Protein backbone atom coordinates (compact mmCIF):
# COMPACT_ATOMS: atom_id res chain seq x y z
CA MET A 1 -0.04 -0.07 0.04
CA ASN A 2 2.77 2.32 0.76
CA MET A 3 4.19 1.69 -2.69
CA LEU A 4 0.87 2.57 -4.21
CA PHE A 5 0.70 5.91 -2.19
CA ALA A 6 4.38 6.71 -3.38
CA VAL A 7 3.46 6.16 -7.21
CA ILE A 8 0.33 8.39 -6.62
CA LYS A 9 2.25 11.07 -5.33
CA LYS A 10 4.80 10.85 -8.05
CA GLU A 11 1.88 11.20 -10.41
CA LEU A 12 0.64 14.12 -8.62
CA LEU A 13 3.85 15.94 -8.86
CA ALA A 14 4.10 15.22 -12.61
CA MET A 15 0.56 16.70 -12.94
CA THR A 16 1.59 19.91 -11.29
CA ARG A 17 4.29 20.29 -14.06
CA ASP A 18 1.59 20.08 -16.86
CA VAL A 19 -0.94 22.71 -15.57
CA HIS A 20 -1.75 24.06 -19.02
CA GLY A 21 -2.78 20.62 -20.23
CA LEU A 22 -4.95 20.11 -17.24
CA LEU A 23 -6.49 23.51 -17.63
CA VAL A 24 -7.51 22.48 -21.19
CA LEU A 25 -9.60 19.78 -19.80
CA PHE A 26 -11.57 22.20 -17.80
CA VAL A 27 -11.70 25.26 -20.22
CA MET A 28 -12.59 23.49 -23.42
CA PRO A 29 -15.69 21.74 -22.31
CA ALA A 30 -16.93 24.64 -20.50
CA ALA A 31 -16.62 26.88 -23.43
CA PHE A 32 -18.27 24.19 -25.68
CA ILE A 33 -21.19 23.81 -23.13
CA LEU A 34 -21.89 27.63 -23.16
CA VAL A 35 -21.62 27.91 -27.03
CA MET A 36 -23.60 24.88 -27.89
CA SER A 37 -26.31 25.33 -25.26
CA LEU A 38 -27.10 28.73 -26.61
CA ALA A 39 -26.62 27.72 -30.37
CA LEU A 40 -28.97 24.85 -30.07
CA ARG A 41 -31.43 26.36 -27.70
CA ASP A 42 -34.12 27.03 -30.21
CA THR A 43 -33.75 23.39 -31.79
CA PHE A 44 -34.81 21.71 -28.54
CA GLN A 45 -37.44 24.46 -27.75
CA PRO A 46 -40.83 22.82 -27.94
CA SER A 47 -42.72 26.07 -28.38
CA VAL A 48 -39.91 27.15 -30.99
CA SER A 49 -42.85 28.52 -33.35
CA GLU A 50 -43.51 31.24 -31.01
CA LYS A 51 -40.11 32.62 -31.75
CA MET A 52 -40.86 32.95 -35.52
CA ARG A 53 -40.88 36.49 -36.98
CA TRP A 54 -43.78 36.57 -39.48
CA GLN A 55 -46.41 38.87 -41.04
CA ALA A 56 -49.64 38.25 -42.99
CA TRP A 57 -51.40 39.62 -45.88
CA ASP A 58 -55.14 39.20 -45.78
CA GLY A 59 -56.76 39.57 -49.15
CA GLU A 60 -60.15 38.89 -47.90
CA HIS A 61 -60.70 40.62 -44.57
CA THR A 62 -63.57 38.55 -43.39
CA ALA A 63 -64.51 37.14 -39.99
CA GLU A 64 -63.17 33.63 -40.95
CA SER A 65 -59.79 34.90 -42.19
CA ALA A 66 -59.34 37.18 -39.16
CA ALA A 67 -60.22 34.14 -36.75
CA PHE A 68 -57.79 31.98 -38.50
CA LEU A 69 -54.92 34.57 -38.18
CA LYS A 70 -55.89 35.04 -34.49
CA ARG A 71 -55.13 31.33 -33.87
CA LEU A 72 -51.55 31.82 -34.92
CA PRO A 73 -48.65 32.96 -32.64
CA PRO A 74 -48.22 36.66 -32.47
CA PRO A 75 -46.67 38.19 -35.58
CA ALA A 76 -43.57 40.41 -35.71
CA SER A 77 -44.05 43.90 -34.82
CA GLY A 78 -42.82 47.05 -36.42
CA VAL A 79 -43.28 45.57 -40.02
CA ARG A 80 -46.22 47.28 -41.99
CA ILE A 81 -47.91 45.21 -44.56
CA ALA A 82 -50.20 47.08 -46.74
CA ALA A 83 -50.02 45.06 -49.99
CA ARG A 84 -49.16 41.49 -50.99
CA GLY A 85 -45.83 42.73 -52.34
CA ASP A 86 -44.72 44.05 -48.99
CA ILE A 87 -44.50 40.58 -47.80
CA GLU A 88 -41.88 39.49 -50.27
CA ARG A 89 -40.07 42.92 -49.77
CA ALA A 90 -39.89 42.29 -46.02
CA LEU A 91 -38.67 38.70 -46.44
CA ALA A 92 -35.86 39.89 -48.99
CA ALA A 93 -34.87 42.70 -46.37
CA GLY A 94 -34.62 40.02 -43.64
CA GLN A 95 -37.30 41.87 -41.46
CA ILE A 96 -39.47 38.68 -41.27
CA GLN A 97 -38.84 34.88 -41.48
CA ALA A 98 -42.10 33.78 -43.06
CA GLY A 99 -45.22 35.38 -44.62
CA VAL A 100 -48.85 34.04 -44.66
CA LEU A 101 -50.87 34.95 -47.79
CA ILE A 102 -54.58 34.76 -47.84
CA ASP A 103 -56.25 35.17 -51.12
CA GLY A 104 -60.06 36.06 -51.96
CA GLY A 105 -62.28 33.20 -51.68
CA PHE A 106 -60.92 31.83 -48.36
CA SER A 107 -64.12 31.82 -46.38
CA LYS A 108 -66.07 30.07 -49.08
CA ALA A 109 -63.28 27.46 -49.74
CA ILE A 110 -62.77 26.77 -46.08
CA ALA A 111 -66.47 25.80 -45.72
CA ASP A 112 -66.53 23.49 -48.80
CA GLU A 113 -65.47 19.93 -47.82
CA ASN A 114 -64.72 19.07 -51.45
CA ASN A 115 -62.32 22.09 -51.85
CA THR A 116 -58.92 21.34 -53.36
CA ARG A 117 -57.56 24.85 -53.95
CA THR A 118 -54.88 26.41 -51.78
CA LEU A 119 -56.22 28.06 -48.83
CA VAL A 120 -53.04 29.74 -47.39
CA THR A 121 -49.67 30.27 -49.00
CA VAL A 122 -46.57 30.41 -46.55
CA LEU A 123 -43.43 32.04 -47.84
CA ALA A 124 -40.24 31.46 -45.91
CA GLU A 125 -36.82 33.26 -45.97
CA PRO A 126 -34.30 30.66 -47.11
CA GLY A 127 -32.09 31.20 -44.03
CA THR A 128 -34.83 30.06 -41.68
CA PRO A 129 -33.72 27.21 -39.37
CA PRO A 130 -35.73 24.14 -40.59
CA PRO A 131 -36.98 23.07 -37.08
CA LEU A 132 -38.37 26.68 -36.70
CA LEU A 133 -40.04 26.62 -40.19
CA ALA A 134 -41.58 23.12 -39.62
CA ALA A 135 -42.96 24.22 -36.29
CA PHE A 136 -44.54 27.15 -37.72
CA ARG A 137 -46.01 25.12 -40.56
CA MET A 138 -47.65 22.96 -38.23
CA GLU A 139 -48.98 25.95 -36.31
CA VAL A 140 -50.53 27.13 -39.60
CA THR A 141 -52.01 23.75 -40.38
CA LYS A 142 -53.60 23.51 -36.90
CA ALA A 143 -55.06 26.79 -37.26
CA LEU A 144 -56.56 25.96 -40.64
CA MET A 145 -58.13 22.54 -39.15
CA LEU A 146 -59.65 24.42 -36.13
CA GLU A 147 -61.05 27.24 -38.33
CA ARG A 148 -62.64 24.77 -40.68
CA MET A 149 -64.00 22.72 -37.87
CA ALA A 150 -65.42 25.99 -36.53
CA VAL A 151 -67.02 26.81 -39.64
CA VAL A 152 -68.57 23.21 -40.06
CA VAL A 153 -69.94 23.19 -36.65
CA LYS A 154 -71.45 26.67 -37.00
CA THR A 155 -73.14 25.47 -40.33
CA LEU A 156 -74.56 22.44 -38.77
CA THR A 157 -76.01 23.95 -35.63
CA GLU A 158 -77.19 27.21 -37.21
CA GLY A 159 -80.76 27.78 -36.37
CA ASP A 160 -80.96 24.94 -33.75
CA GLU A 161 -81.28 26.16 -30.19
CA ASN A 162 -80.96 22.76 -28.63
CA ALA A 163 -77.61 21.98 -30.45
CA PRO A 164 -74.87 21.33 -27.94
CA LYS A 165 -72.27 24.21 -27.86
CA LEU A 166 -68.97 22.95 -28.81
CA ASN A 167 -65.85 24.97 -28.06
CA VAL A 168 -63.45 24.19 -30.96
CA ASN A 169 -60.53 25.84 -29.31
CA GLY A 170 -60.85 23.59 -26.38
CA LEU A 171 -60.15 20.50 -28.48
CA THR A 172 -56.42 21.06 -28.39
CA ASN A 173 -56.08 22.50 -24.94
CA GLY A 174 -53.52 20.42 -23.10
CA ALA A 175 -52.21 18.87 -26.24
CA LYS A 176 -48.48 19.82 -26.63
CA LEU A 177 -46.07 18.59 -29.12
CA ASP A 178 -42.57 18.13 -27.67
CA PHE A 179 -39.28 17.72 -29.54
CA ALA A 180 -37.91 14.93 -27.39
CA TYR A 181 -38.91 12.45 -24.76
CA ARG A 182 -39.81 12.97 -21.26
CA GLY A 183 -39.40 10.79 -18.22
CA ASP A 184 -40.83 10.40 -14.77
CA THR A 185 -38.97 13.57 -13.79
CA GLY A 186 -40.85 15.82 -16.31
CA VAL A 187 -37.46 17.19 -17.49
CA GLY A 188 -37.49 17.78 -21.31
CA LEU A 189 -34.42 17.38 -23.53
CA THR A 190 -33.16 20.87 -23.77
CA ALA A 191 -29.99 22.06 -25.40
CA VAL A 192 -28.20 22.37 -22.01
CA GLN A 193 -29.33 18.95 -20.95
CA GLN A 194 -27.89 17.63 -24.07
CA SER A 195 -24.57 19.64 -24.08
CA VAL A 196 -23.45 19.19 -20.61
CA PRO A 197 -23.18 15.38 -20.62
CA ALA A 198 -21.94 15.42 -24.19
CA TRP A 199 -19.07 17.68 -23.85
CA LEU A 200 -18.42 16.20 -20.33
CA VAL A 201 -17.83 12.83 -21.91
CA PHE A 202 -15.57 14.26 -24.50
CA ALA A 203 -13.60 16.16 -22.03
CA MET A 204 -13.02 12.94 -19.77
CA PHE A 205 -11.70 11.18 -22.78
CA PHE A 206 -9.40 14.02 -23.60
CA VAL A 207 -7.16 12.89 -20.52
CA VAL A 208 -5.28 10.86 -23.18
CA ILE A 209 -3.24 14.13 -23.95
CA PRO A 210 -1.79 14.95 -20.45
CA LEU A 211 -1.58 11.26 -19.31
CA SER A 212 0.17 10.07 -22.29
CA THR A 213 2.63 13.03 -22.31
CA ILE A 214 3.49 12.22 -18.64
CA PHE A 215 3.73 8.55 -19.28
CA ILE A 216 5.99 8.94 -22.38
CA ALA A 217 8.11 11.45 -20.72
CA GLU A 218 8.73 8.84 -17.88
CA LYS A 219 9.66 6.20 -20.37
CA GLN A 220 12.05 8.57 -22.39
CA LEU A 221 13.55 9.81 -19.16
CA GLY A 222 14.16 6.33 -17.60
CA THR A 223 11.74 6.77 -14.68
CA PHE A 224 9.57 3.91 -15.79
CA PRO A 225 12.34 1.43 -16.40
CA ARG A 226 14.01 2.18 -13.02
CA LEU A 227 10.69 1.55 -11.26
CA ARG A 228 10.36 -1.70 -13.03
CA SER A 229 13.86 -2.56 -12.14
CA LEU A 230 13.00 -2.04 -8.44
CA GLN A 231 10.21 -4.76 -8.85
CA VAL A 232 7.30 -2.18 -8.81
CA PRO A 233 4.51 -4.09 -10.34
CA VAL A 234 3.00 -2.99 -13.61
CA GLY A 235 -0.55 -3.11 -11.83
CA VAL A 236 0.68 -0.67 -9.14
CA LEU A 237 1.88 1.72 -11.75
CA LEU A 238 -1.06 1.65 -13.65
CA ALA A 239 -3.29 2.13 -10.46
CA GLY A 240 -0.95 5.15 -9.74
CA LYS A 241 -2.28 6.73 -12.84
CA VAL A 242 -5.74 5.86 -12.59
CA VAL A 243 -6.37 7.27 -9.12
CA PRO A 244 -5.21 10.80 -9.76
CA PHE A 245 -6.77 11.16 -13.16
CA TYR A 246 -10.07 9.62 -11.85
CA ALA A 247 -9.92 12.55 -9.22
CA VAL A 248 -9.53 15.06 -12.23
CA ASN A 249 -12.54 13.58 -14.18
CA LEU A 250 -14.84 13.93 -11.03
CA ALA A 251 -13.69 17.58 -10.68
CA GLN A 252 -14.59 18.04 -14.41
CA THR A 253 -18.08 16.54 -13.71
CA GLY A 254 -18.49 18.94 -10.76
CA LEU A 255 -17.51 21.94 -12.81
CA MET A 256 -19.29 21.16 -16.10
CA ILE A 257 -22.64 20.69 -13.94
CA ALA A 258 -21.94 24.00 -12.39
CA VAL A 259 -21.50 25.58 -15.75
CA GLY A 260 -24.86 24.14 -17.03
CA ARG A 261 -26.67 25.08 -13.91
CA TYR A 262 -25.39 28.57 -13.31
CA GLY A 263 -23.25 29.68 -16.34
CA VAL A 264 -25.41 28.98 -19.24
CA PRO A 265 -28.62 30.78 -17.64
CA LEU A 266 -26.34 34.07 -17.23
CA LEU A 267 -26.05 34.09 -21.01
CA GLY A 268 -29.78 33.68 -21.76
CA GLY A 269 -29.89 29.93 -21.89
CA ASP A 270 -31.93 27.19 -20.18
CA ALA A 271 -30.61 26.00 -16.54
CA LEU A 272 -29.45 22.40 -16.24
CA ARG A 273 -32.15 20.60 -14.21
CA LEU A 274 -30.68 18.50 -11.36
CA ASP A 275 -33.55 16.44 -10.42
CA VAL A 276 -31.29 13.26 -10.74
CA ASN A 277 -30.37 10.12 -8.74
CA TRP A 278 -26.92 11.29 -7.49
CA LEU A 279 -25.63 7.80 -7.07
CA ALA A 280 -26.48 6.86 -10.61
CA LEU A 281 -24.88 10.11 -11.70
CA TRP A 282 -21.68 9.21 -9.67
CA ALA A 283 -21.59 5.75 -11.13
CA MET A 284 -21.86 6.97 -14.72
CA ALA A 285 -19.18 9.65 -14.06
CA SER A 286 -16.94 6.88 -12.51
CA ALA A 287 -17.59 4.33 -15.50
CA VAL A 288 -16.88 7.08 -18.32
CA SER A 289 -13.71 8.17 -16.29
CA LEU A 290 -12.43 4.58 -15.93
CA ALA A 291 -13.04 3.92 -19.63
CA ALA A 292 -11.38 7.19 -20.69
CA ILE A 293 -8.32 6.60 -18.45
CA GLY A 294 -8.18 2.99 -19.64
CA PHE A 295 -8.25 4.20 -23.40
CA ALA A 296 -5.49 6.85 -22.59
CA LEU A 297 -3.24 4.09 -20.92
CA VAL A 298 -3.40 1.93 -24.02
CA VAL A 299 -2.48 4.74 -26.20
CA ALA A 300 0.41 5.78 -23.80
CA ALA A 301 1.71 2.21 -23.53
CA VAL A 302 1.81 1.68 -27.42
CA ALA A 303 2.94 5.30 -28.55
CA ARG A 304 6.63 5.90 -28.47
CA THR A 305 6.54 9.74 -28.81
CA ASN A 306 4.30 12.65 -27.66
CA GLU A 307 3.42 13.21 -31.33
CA GLN A 308 2.23 9.70 -31.82
CA ALA A 309 0.11 9.73 -28.69
CA THR A 310 -1.39 13.19 -29.44
CA THR A 311 -2.27 12.24 -33.01
CA VAL A 312 -3.83 8.96 -32.29
CA GLY A 313 -5.56 9.99 -29.20
CA GLY A 314 -6.83 13.26 -30.61
CA VAL A 315 -7.96 11.74 -33.83
CA ALA A 316 -9.77 8.73 -32.04
CA ASN A 317 -11.49 11.05 -29.69
CA ILE A 318 -12.81 13.32 -32.43
CA LEU A 319 -14.02 10.14 -34.29
CA PHE A 320 -15.61 8.88 -31.14
CA GLY A 321 -17.32 12.26 -30.51
CA ALA A 322 -18.57 12.53 -34.08
CA VAL A 323 -20.05 9.13 -34.23
CA GLY A 324 -21.35 8.99 -30.58
CA GLY A 325 -23.56 12.04 -30.88
CA VAL A 326 -21.41 14.54 -28.93
CA MET A 327 -20.88 16.89 -31.84
CA VAL A 328 -24.23 16.14 -33.63
CA PRO A 329 -26.95 14.99 -31.18
CA LYS A 330 -27.94 11.53 -31.99
CA LEU A 331 -31.64 12.28 -32.36
CA MET A 332 -30.97 14.42 -35.42
CA MET A 333 -28.85 11.64 -37.20
CA PRO A 334 -30.30 9.19 -39.77
CA VAL A 335 -31.25 5.88 -38.44
CA ALA A 336 -28.13 4.09 -39.88
CA MET A 337 -25.87 6.46 -38.03
CA GLN A 338 -27.74 6.03 -34.98
CA HIS A 339 -27.05 2.39 -35.02
CA LEU A 340 -23.43 2.91 -35.93
CA SER A 341 -23.01 5.16 -32.89
CA TRP A 342 -22.99 2.19 -30.68
CA CYS A 343 -19.48 1.64 -31.88
CA SER A 344 -18.32 4.47 -29.92
CA PRO A 345 -17.68 4.38 -25.92
CA MET A 346 -18.56 7.91 -25.92
CA ALA A 347 -22.24 7.11 -27.16
CA TRP A 348 -22.44 4.62 -24.28
CA GLY A 349 -21.46 7.35 -21.75
CA LEU A 350 -23.63 9.95 -23.43
CA ASP A 351 -26.82 7.65 -23.36
CA GLY A 352 -26.25 6.91 -19.77
CA PHE A 353 -25.74 10.49 -18.69
CA LEU A 354 -28.87 11.43 -20.71
CA ASP A 355 -31.03 8.71 -18.90
CA VAL A 356 -29.72 10.11 -15.62
CA PHE A 357 -30.37 13.76 -16.61
CA VAL A 358 -33.46 13.37 -18.54
CA LEU A 359 -35.30 10.43 -17.41
CA GLY A 360 -34.12 10.42 -13.92
CA ALA A 361 -32.72 6.78 -14.03
CA ARG A 362 -31.56 5.04 -11.15
CA ILE A 363 -28.63 2.52 -11.19
CA GLY A 364 -30.81 -0.21 -12.34
CA GLY A 365 -31.90 1.92 -15.53
CA VAL A 366 -28.18 2.55 -16.53
CA LEU A 367 -26.79 -1.07 -16.17
CA LEU A 368 -26.23 -1.53 -19.98
CA PRO A 369 -24.11 1.55 -20.52
CA LEU A 370 -22.30 0.87 -16.99
CA GLY A 371 -21.59 -2.55 -18.20
CA LEU A 372 -20.25 -1.48 -21.59
CA LEU A 373 -17.89 1.30 -19.98
CA LEU A 374 -16.55 -1.00 -17.51
CA GLY A 375 -16.04 -3.87 -19.92
CA PHE A 376 -14.25 -1.57 -22.20
CA SER A 377 -12.10 -0.14 -19.45
CA ALA A 378 -11.13 -3.69 -18.15
CA LEU A 379 -10.05 -4.47 -21.78
CA CYS A 380 -8.02 -1.38 -22.15
CA LEU A 381 -6.24 -1.84 -18.82
CA SER A 382 -5.65 -5.47 -19.66
CA LEU A 383 -4.01 -4.49 -22.98
CA ALA A 384 -1.87 -1.73 -21.27
CA TRP A 385 -0.71 -4.17 -18.51
CA TRP A 386 0.16 -6.76 -21.28
CA ARG A 387 2.06 -4.38 -23.36
CA LEU A 388 4.04 -2.98 -20.30
CA ARG A 389 4.62 -6.16 -18.32
CA ASP A 390 7.80 -7.11 -20.00
CA SER A 391 9.27 -3.59 -19.93
CA VAL A 392 12.50 -2.97 -17.70
């Protein structure tokens, strides 16, 4: 045990000589969390259509067309539309993102169940985000359906005093389309709920850079061979590197959670919700950490120079992140890519973290990602031990 403590102390001293490398492990993911949480905020916002800047041109000015427009989210203010051509000019100038055109004959057409003509035309500015435009189109479709139902009900009940009163608007009360899933916690998948675990996993795997730098320096300076000649077991040397970097990863976890909880809201984003099972969160952070450290030790054991370790470790991490849903959320990937993501250990960690943060999963709910990560860690540590066991 004294031997292990001595090796851990040596590792801590070596880490203090690479402060800049360690700072990158904290600064890089914090910056990514802030930027991506703000950049993807509207993409994950369920009421995204309410953020659309739009205006309408009503070519009929009837009670039905006015009622239809009233059912839509509030239009952009400060844009005057007096003629049909004003819509296209406002779009070209970037004053609005969408224009709603209602031609004459709207009231008659909406009451005709056999009507096949276009009731409403929606023009969109080419740079409008697709999720925003899709949500607005759904709002327009819903408003048309409700107005058509209102006209049909009025026609059927007109003149009948005993007819039941039907509130068409109430048919959609409480019905809400959400972008993603919800769990027992009632926490929706927001940009910050996606970004914090994604970039935390990515940052943990980047311990390959400082860890391999320290390890290769020890091999080149003769420190590692001297320790082996003193009969220090390879397992003790590996454990001496796992413990301090495990502590670094847990510190990363705490800082990234704090950034998501307090930093992102200061810049106008959503706050990270922490209605989580803390034991499950610790288990996932530990499993991801051990997997990342195991992978870093394999790279350090195989590489001969810092350049080799940095190149192999950096490229592998970028590929793991790209395939695993870190850089592009998995729910936005094609189905084939979503299946391919299971080749990445970062995907296992990210899925487990999302289950904890969004679904409120307990230990029993994350057994699969925990098992995959711990198995990957055991495999990597075994390969590193096998590669170094004959080193002197």
